[in-house]
Amino acid sequence: MPGVIEVNRKVPIGTAIEEILFIAESCEHGELEGQILYLPLLK
């Protein structure tokens, strides 16, 4: 599994986009393999 990012429906779309971009820019290729991340990252 390459990795999954699950976004709570209550998260504003702008926040979700910012956090997904942050994850994409911060992680190396294959780093999220087999993981599930839940957004929002911080509450």
N, C-alpha and C. Protein backbone atom coordinates (compact mmCIF):
# COMPACT_ATOMS: atom_id res chain seq x y z
N MET A 1 0.86 -1.18 0.00
CA MET A 1 0.00 0.00 0.00
C MET A 1 0.90 1.23 0.00
N PRO A 2 0.68 2.15 -0.91
CA PRO A 2 1.54 3.33 -1.02
C PRO A 2 1.35 4.35 0.10
N GLY A 3 0.28 4.28 0.85
CA GLY A 3 -0.03 5.26 1.90
C GLY A 3 -1.38 5.89 1.62
N VAL A 4 -2.07 6.25 2.69
CA VAL A 4 -3.41 6.82 2.57
C VAL A 4 -3.49 8.05 3.45
N ILE A 5 -4.13 9.09 2.95
CA ILE A 5 -4.41 10.28 3.75
C ILE A 5 -5.92 10.40 3.84
N GLU A 6 -6.44 10.34 5.06
CA GLU A 6 -7.89 10.45 5.28
C GLU A 6 -8.18 11.83 5.84
N VAL A 7 -9.14 12.51 5.23
CA VAL A 7 -9.49 13.87 5.63
C VAL A 7 -10.88 13.86 6.26
N ASN A 8 -10.97 14.36 7.48
CA ASN A 8 -12.25 14.48 8.17
C ASN A 8 -13.11 15.47 7.39
N ARG A 9 -14.38 15.16 7.23
CA ARG A 9 -15.30 16.03 6.47
C ARG A 9 -15.45 17.41 7.10
N LYS A 10 -15.15 17.56 8.37
CA LYS A 10 -15.31 18.84 9.05
C LYS A 10 -14.11 19.77 8.82
N VAL A 11 -13.04 19.26 8.22
CA VAL A 11 -11.85 20.08 7.96
C VAL A 11 -12.14 21.00 6.77
N PRO A 12 -11.91 22.30 6.93
CA PRO A 12 -12.10 23.22 5.81
C PRO A 12 -11.20 22.83 4.63
N ILE A 13 -11.68 22.99 3.41
CA ILE A 13 -10.94 22.56 2.23
C ILE A 13 -9.56 23.21 2.14
N GLY A 14 -9.47 24.49 2.51
CA GLY A 14 -8.18 25.19 2.47
C GLY A 14 -7.17 24.56 3.41
N THR A 15 -7.62 24.21 4.61
CA THR A 15 -6.75 23.56 5.59
C THR A 15 -6.30 22.19 5.08
N ALA A 16 -7.22 21.44 4.52
CA ALA A 16 -6.89 20.12 3.99
C ALA A 16 -5.84 20.23 2.89
N ILE A 17 -6.02 21.17 1.98
CA ILE A 17 -5.05 21.36 0.89
C ILE A 17 -3.69 21.74 1.44
N GLU A 18 -3.64 22.68 2.39
CA GLU A 18 -2.37 23.10 2.99
C GLU A 18 -1.66 21.93 3.65
N GLU A 19 -2.39 21.10 4.37
CA GLU A 19 -1.77 19.99 5.08
C GLU A 19 -1.31 18.90 4.11
N ILE A 20 -2.08 18.65 3.06
CA ILE A 20 -1.65 17.66 2.06
C ILE A 20 -0.39 18.15 1.35
N LEU A 21 -0.33 19.43 1.01
CA LEU A 21 0.88 19.98 0.40
C LEU A 21 2.07 19.90 1.34
N PHE A 22 1.84 20.18 2.62
CA PHE A 22 2.91 20.07 3.62
C PHE A 22 3.46 18.65 3.66
N ILE A 23 2.56 17.67 3.69
CA ILE A 23 2.97 16.26 3.72
C ILE A 23 3.77 15.92 2.46
N ALA A 24 3.26 16.34 1.31
CA ALA A 24 3.91 16.02 0.04
C ALA A 24 5.31 16.63 -0.04
N GLU A 25 5.47 17.84 0.48
CA GLU A 25 6.77 18.52 0.42
C GLU A 25 7.74 18.02 1.48
N SER A 26 7.23 17.45 2.56
CA SER A 26 8.07 17.05 3.69
C SER A 26 8.56 15.61 3.64
N CYS A 27 7.89 14.78 2.89
CA CYS A 27 8.19 13.35 2.91
C CYS A 27 9.01 12.92 1.70
N GLU A 28 9.87 11.96 1.94
CA GLU A 28 10.65 11.36 0.87
C GLU A 28 9.78 10.33 0.15
N HIS A 29 10.16 9.99 -1.08
CA HIS A 29 9.45 8.98 -1.85
C HIS A 29 9.43 7.66 -1.08
N GLY A 30 8.25 7.09 -0.90
CA GLY A 30 8.10 5.81 -0.22
C GLY A 30 8.05 5.89 1.29
N GLU A 31 8.22 7.07 1.85
CA GLU A 31 8.25 7.23 3.31
C GLU A 31 6.91 6.90 3.98
N LEU A 32 5.82 7.12 3.29
CA LEU A 32 4.49 6.88 3.86
C LEU A 32 3.94 5.51 3.52
N GLU A 33 4.75 4.70 2.87
CA GLU A 33 4.30 3.37 2.44
C GLU A 33 3.76 2.57 3.63
N GLY A 34 2.55 2.07 3.49
CA GLY A 34 1.93 1.26 4.53
C GLY A 34 1.36 2.05 5.70
N GLN A 35 1.30 3.37 5.58
CA GLN A 35 0.80 4.20 6.68
C GLN A 35 -0.54 4.84 6.31
N ILE A 36 -1.27 5.20 7.35
CA ILE A 36 -2.51 5.96 7.18
C ILE A 36 -2.36 7.23 8.01
N LEU A 37 -2.54 8.38 7.39
CA LEU A 37 -2.50 9.67 8.09
C LEU A 37 -3.91 10.22 8.12
N TYR A 38 -4.26 10.81 9.24
CA TYR A 38 -5.58 11.40 9.42
C TYR A 38 -5.44 12.91 9.54
N LEU A 39 -6.20 13.65 8.75
CA LEU A 39 -6.19 15.11 8.84
C LEU A 39 -7.41 15.57 9.59
N PRO A 40 -7.31 16.59 10.40
CA PRO A 40 -6.19 17.50 10.52
C PRO A 40 -5.04 16.88 11.33
N LEU A 41 -3.81 17.28 10.99
CA LEU A 41 -2.63 16.77 11.68
C LEU A 41 -2.60 17.25 13.13
N LEU A 42 -2.91 18.54 13.31
CA LEU A 42 -2.93 19.14 14.66
C LEU A 42 -4.35 19.55 14.99
N LYS A 43 -4.71 19.38 16.21
CA LYS A 43 -6.07 19.78 16.64
C LYS A 43 -6.04 21.07 17.39
